[in-house]
C-alpha atoms as a PDB file:
ATOM      1  CA  MET A   1      12.394 -23.782  69.738  1.00  0.00           C
ATOM      2  CA  SER A   2      11.078 -21.029  67.361  1.00  0.00           C
ATOM      3  CA  ALA A   3      12.299 -20.458  63.916  1.00  0.00           C
ATOM      4  CA  VAL A   4      14.868 -17.512  63.152  1.00  0.00           C
ATOM      5  CA  THR A   5      13.748 -15.094  60.061  1.00  0.00           C
ATOM      6  CA  THR A   6      16.158 -12.451  58.912  1.00  0.00           C
ATOM      7  CA  ALA A   7      14.751  -9.174  58.061  1.00  0.00           C
ATOM      8  CA  VAL A   8      15.793  -8.562  54.434  1.00  0.00           C
ATOM      9  CA  ARG A   9      17.123  -5.338  54.387  1.00  0.00           C
ATOM     10  CA  GLU A  10      18.120  -5.637  50.498  1.00  0.00           C
ATOM     11  CA  LEU A  11      17.080  -7.429  47.467  1.00  0.00           C
ATOM     12  CA  THR A  12      18.707  -8.058  44.381  1.00  0.00           C
ATOM     13  CA  VAL A  13      16.926  -8.760  41.175  1.00  0.00           C
ATOM     14  CA  LEU A  14      18.492 -10.505  38.200  1.00  0.00           C
ATOM     15  CA  TYR A  15      16.824  -9.514  35.023  1.00  0.00           C
ATOM     16  CA  ASP A  16      17.750 -10.316  31.422  1.00  0.00           C
ATOM     17  CA  ALA A  17      19.606  -7.687  29.997  1.00  0.00           C
ATOM     18  CA  GLY A  18      19.256  -9.039  26.356  1.00  0.00           C
ATOM     19  CA  CYS A  19      15.119  -8.690  26.901  1.00  0.00           C
ATOM     20  CA  PRO A  20      13.280  -5.670  26.064  1.00  0.00           C
ATOM     21  CA  LEU A  21      11.017  -6.015  28.436  1.00  0.00           C
ATOM     22  CA  CYS A  22      12.979  -7.226  30.881  1.00  0.00           C
ATOM     23  CA  VAL A  23      14.923  -4.226  30.571  1.00  0.00           C
ATOM     24  CA  HIS A  24      11.768  -1.859  30.849  1.00  0.00           C
ATOM     25  CA  LEU A  25      10.320  -3.769  34.060  1.00  0.00           C
ATOM     26  CA  ARG A  26      14.180  -3.406  35.992  1.00  0.00           C
ATOM     27  CA  ALA A  27      14.033   0.481  34.341  1.00  0.00           C
ATOM     28  CA  TRP A  28      10.875   0.732  36.377  1.00  0.00           C
ATOM     29  CA  LEU A  29      11.113  -0.710  39.193  1.00  0.00           C
ATOM     30  CA  MET A  30      14.252   1.842  39.711  1.00  0.00           C
ATOM     31  CA  ARG A  31      12.078   4.883  39.290  1.00  0.00           C
ATOM     32  CA  ARG A  32       9.654   3.292  42.236  1.00  0.00           C
ATOM     33  CA  PRO A  33      10.202   4.653  46.178  1.00  0.00           C
ATOM     34  CA  GLN A  34      11.906   1.341  47.325  1.00  0.00           C
ATOM     35  CA  LEU A  35      11.125   0.467  51.287  1.00  0.00           C
ATOM     36  CA  VAL A  36      13.507  -2.212  50.420  1.00  0.00           C
ATOM     37  CA  PRO A  37      16.492  -1.430  48.895  1.00  0.00           C
ATOM     38  CA  LEU A  38      16.816  -2.930  45.227  1.00  0.00           C
ATOM     39  CA  ARG A  39      19.827  -3.920  43.430  1.00  0.00           C
ATOM     40  CA  THR A  40      19.827  -5.274  39.598  1.00  0.00           C
ATOM     41  CA  ILE A  41      22.690  -7.466  38.081  1.00  0.00           C
ATOM     42  CA  PRO A  42      21.830  -8.931  34.893  1.00  0.00           C
ATOM     43  CA  ALA A  43      21.272 -12.528  34.511  1.00  0.00           C
ATOM     44  CA  GLY A  44      23.654 -14.507  33.440  1.00  0.00           C
ATOM     45  CA  SER A  45      26.472 -11.936  33.870  1.00  0.00           C
ATOM     46  CA  ALA A  46      30.298 -13.076  35.180  1.00  0.00           C
ATOM     47  CA  GLU A  47      28.948 -10.722  38.251  1.00  0.00           C
ATOM     48  CA  ALA A  48      25.573 -12.623  38.793  1.00  0.00           C
ATOM     49  CA  ARG A  49      28.016 -15.787  38.658  1.00  0.00           C
ATOM     50  CA  ARG A  50      30.855 -14.505  41.144  1.00  0.00           C
ATOM     51  CA  ARG A  51      28.043 -13.269  43.435  1.00  0.00           C
ATOM     52  CA  TYR A  52      25.865 -16.217  43.686  1.00  0.00           C
ATOM     53  CA  PRO A  53      28.414 -19.105  41.825  1.00  0.00           C
ATOM     54  CA  GLU A  54      24.953 -21.427  43.652  1.00  0.00           C
ATOM     55  CA  LEU A  55      22.181 -20.379  41.150  1.00  0.00           C
ATOM     56  CA  ASP A  56      21.125 -22.066  38.384  1.00  0.00           C
ATOM     57  CA  HIS A  57      22.273 -19.250  35.799  1.00  0.00           C
ATOM     58  CA  HIS A  58      20.689 -20.400  32.876  1.00  0.00           C
ATOM     59  CA  ARG A  59      17.515 -20.806  34.629  1.00  0.00           C
ATOM     60  CA  THR A  60      17.909 -17.155  36.014  1.00  0.00           C
ATOM     61  CA  LEU A  61      17.565 -15.919  32.130  1.00  0.00           C
ATOM     62  CA  ARG A  62      14.174 -18.043  31.906  1.00  0.00           C
ATOM     63  CA  GLU A  63      12.584 -16.983  35.405  1.00  0.00           C
ATOM     64  CA  ILE A  64      12.947 -13.970  37.503  1.00  0.00           C
ATOM     65  CA  THR A  65      14.936 -14.732  40.294  1.00  0.00           C
ATOM     66  CA  VAL A  66      15.587 -12.207  43.255  1.00  0.00           C
ATOM     67  CA  ILE A  67      18.007 -12.738  46.162  1.00  0.00           C
ATOM     68  CA  GLY A  68      17.722 -11.434  49.464  1.00  0.00           C
ATOM     69  CA  ASP A  69      20.864  -9.939  51.902  1.00  0.00           C
ATOM     70  CA  GLY A  70      20.470 -13.081  54.361  1.00  0.00           C
ATOM     71  CA  GLY A  71      20.711 -15.455  51.196  1.00  0.00           C
ATOM     72  CA  GLN A  72      16.931 -16.214  50.637  1.00  0.00           C
ATOM     73  CA  VAL A  73      16.446 -17.119  46.986  1.00  0.00           C
ATOM     74  CA  TYR A  74      12.727 -16.077  45.898  1.00  0.00           C
ATOM     75  CA  THR A  75      12.119 -17.133  42.027  1.00  0.00           C
ATOM     76  CA  GLY A  76       8.677 -17.319  39.727  1.00  0.00           C
ATOM     77  CA  ARG A  77       5.718 -16.242  41.412  1.00  0.00           C
ATOM     78  CA  ALA A  78       7.231 -15.086  44.705  1.00  0.00           C
ATOM     79  CA  ALA A  79       9.974 -13.557  43.236  1.00  0.00           C
ATOM     80  CA  TYR A  80       7.501 -10.942  41.276  1.00  0.00           C
ATOM     81  CA  VAL A  81       5.655 -10.619  44.783  1.00  0.00           C
ATOM     82  CA  VAL A  82       9.024  -9.720  46.565  1.00  0.00           C
ATOM     83  CA  CYS A  83      10.175  -6.994  44.030  1.00  0.00           C
ATOM     84  CA  LEU A  84       6.359  -5.311  44.418  1.00  0.00           C
ATOM     85  CA  TRP A  85       6.549  -5.719  48.418  1.00  0.00           C
ATOM     86  CA  ALA A  86       9.512  -3.535  48.326  1.00  0.00           C
ATOM     87  CA  LEU A  87       8.299  -0.570  46.801  1.00  0.00           C
ATOM     88  CA  ALA A  88       6.703   1.544  48.778  1.00  0.00           C
ATOM     89  CA  GLU A  89       2.861   1.819  46.735  1.00  0.00           C
ATOM     90  CA  TYR A  90       2.496  -1.821  45.931  1.00  0.00           C
ATOM     91  CA  ARG A  91       3.130  -3.484  49.800  1.00  0.00           C
ATOM     92  CA  SER A  92       0.139  -3.626  50.749  1.00  0.00           C
ATOM     93  CA  LYS A  93      -0.760  -5.370  47.206  1.00  0.00           C
ATOM     94  CA  ALA A  94       2.156  -7.712  47.599  1.00  0.00           C
ATOM     95  CA  HIS A  95       0.444  -8.623  50.468  1.00  0.00           C
ATOM     96  CA  TRP A  96      -2.926  -9.484  48.977  1.00  0.00           C
ATOM     97  CA  LEU A  97      -1.447 -11.274  45.680  1.00  0.00           C
ATOM     98  CA  ALA A  98       0.803 -13.400  47.833  1.00  0.00           C
ATOM     99  CA  THR A  99      -2.793 -14.744  49.752  1.00  0.00           C
ATOM    100  CA  PRO A 100      -4.406 -17.656  47.904  1.00  0.00           C
ATOM    101  CA  ALA A 101      -7.119 -15.187  46.997  1.00  0.00           C
ATOM    102  CA  GLY A 102      -3.806 -13.110  44.695  1.00  0.00           C
ATOM    103  CA  ALA A 103      -2.783 -16.035  42.697  1.00  0.00           C
ATOM    104  CA  PRO A 104      -4.341 -16.096  40.011  1.00  0.00           C
ATOM    105  CA  PHE A 105      -3.608 -12.336  39.224  1.00  0.00           C
ATOM    106  CA  VAL A 106       0.450 -13.275  39.481  1.00  0.00           C
ATOM    107  CA  ARG A 107       0.200 -16.269  37.344  1.00  0.00           C
ATOM    108  CA  ALA A 108      -1.653 -14.392  34.527  1.00  0.00           C
ATOM    109  CA  THR A 109       0.393 -11.370  34.775  1.00  0.00           C
ATOM    110  CA  MET A 110       3.602 -13.671  34.284  1.00  0.00           C
ATOM    111  CA  LEU A 111       2.371 -15.833  31.668  1.00  0.00           C
ATOM    112  CA  ALA A 112       1.161 -12.698  30.417  1.00  0.00           C
ATOM    113  CA  ALA A 113       4.692 -11.783  30.244  1.00  0.00           C
ATOM    114  CA  ALA A 114       6.269 -15.191  28.864  1.00  0.00           C
ATOM    115  CA  ARG A 115       4.238 -15.060  26.121  1.00  0.00           C
ATOM    116  CA  TYR A 116       5.237 -11.353  24.774  1.00  0.00           C
ATOM    117  CA  ARG A 117       9.260 -13.033  25.215  1.00  0.00           C
ATOM    118  CA  GLU A 118       8.232 -16.199  23.669  1.00  0.00           C
ATOM    119  CA  ARG A 119       7.158 -13.618  20.738  1.00  0.00           C
ATOM    120  CA  LEU A 120      10.473 -11.911  20.590  1.00  0.00           C
ATOM    121  CA  GLY A 121      12.143 -14.680  20.355  1.00  0.00           C
ATOM    122  CA  PRO A 122      15.660 -15.218  19.412  1.00  0.00           C
ATOM    123  CA  GLY A 123      17.832 -13.232  17.733  1.00  0.00           C
ATOM    124  CA  ARG A 124      15.170  -9.552  18.803  1.00  0.00           C
ATOM    125  CA  GLY A 125      17.384  -9.821  21.848  1.00  0.00           C
ATOM    126  CA  ALA A 126      15.240 -11.910  24.240  1.00  0.00           C
ATOM    127  CA  THR A 127      16.090 -15.255  25.827  1.00  0.00           C
ATOM    128  CA  PRO A 128      13.731 -18.193  23.975  1.00  0.00           C
ATOM    129  CA  CYS A 129      11.070 -18.921  26.634  1.00  0.00           C
ATOM    130  CA  ASP A 130       9.687 -22.180  27.474  1.00  0.00           C
ATOM    131  CA  GLU A 131       6.273 -23.375  29.517  1.00  0.00           C
ATOM    132  CA  GLN A 132       9.201 -22.880  32.526  1.00  0.00           C
ATOM    133  CA  CYS A 133      10.155 -18.920  31.894  1.00  0.00           C
ATOM    134  CA  ALA A 134       8.720 -16.722  34.517  1.00  0.00           C
ATOM    135  CA  VAL A 135       5.513 -19.537  35.135  1.00  0.00           C
ATOM    136  CA  PRO A 136       6.138 -21.796  37.625  1.00  0.00           C
ATOM    137  CA  ARG A 137       4.010 -24.838  38.283  1.00  0.00           C
END
């Protein structure tokens, strides 16, 4: 028996609308030419909860979460890579980042983003991050 795969035709990125870094990255994504359309929804919002009731919405505020139109859920490194994969100018880089050779670069980028969010801290528009924030183990 062969595995059935579903082509991804659209991706929804849940982003922290209270985090200046997340808002900036959302705008950056939306300005890029897309091979796979990206839709963005504020994480933890009423719309996100209605569309994706099965998700842990508190976690989506701490960790990037991307949902494919076939029900695929990407978090952490996979979410970061799939966002780049959707962009015309970054697809080949995303393929490389998905390899063991590229994984340390993804981890370093996500760790830097998590540290930046931690520095913003509560009261400055960001959700406080812990070790889990954007950095999967």
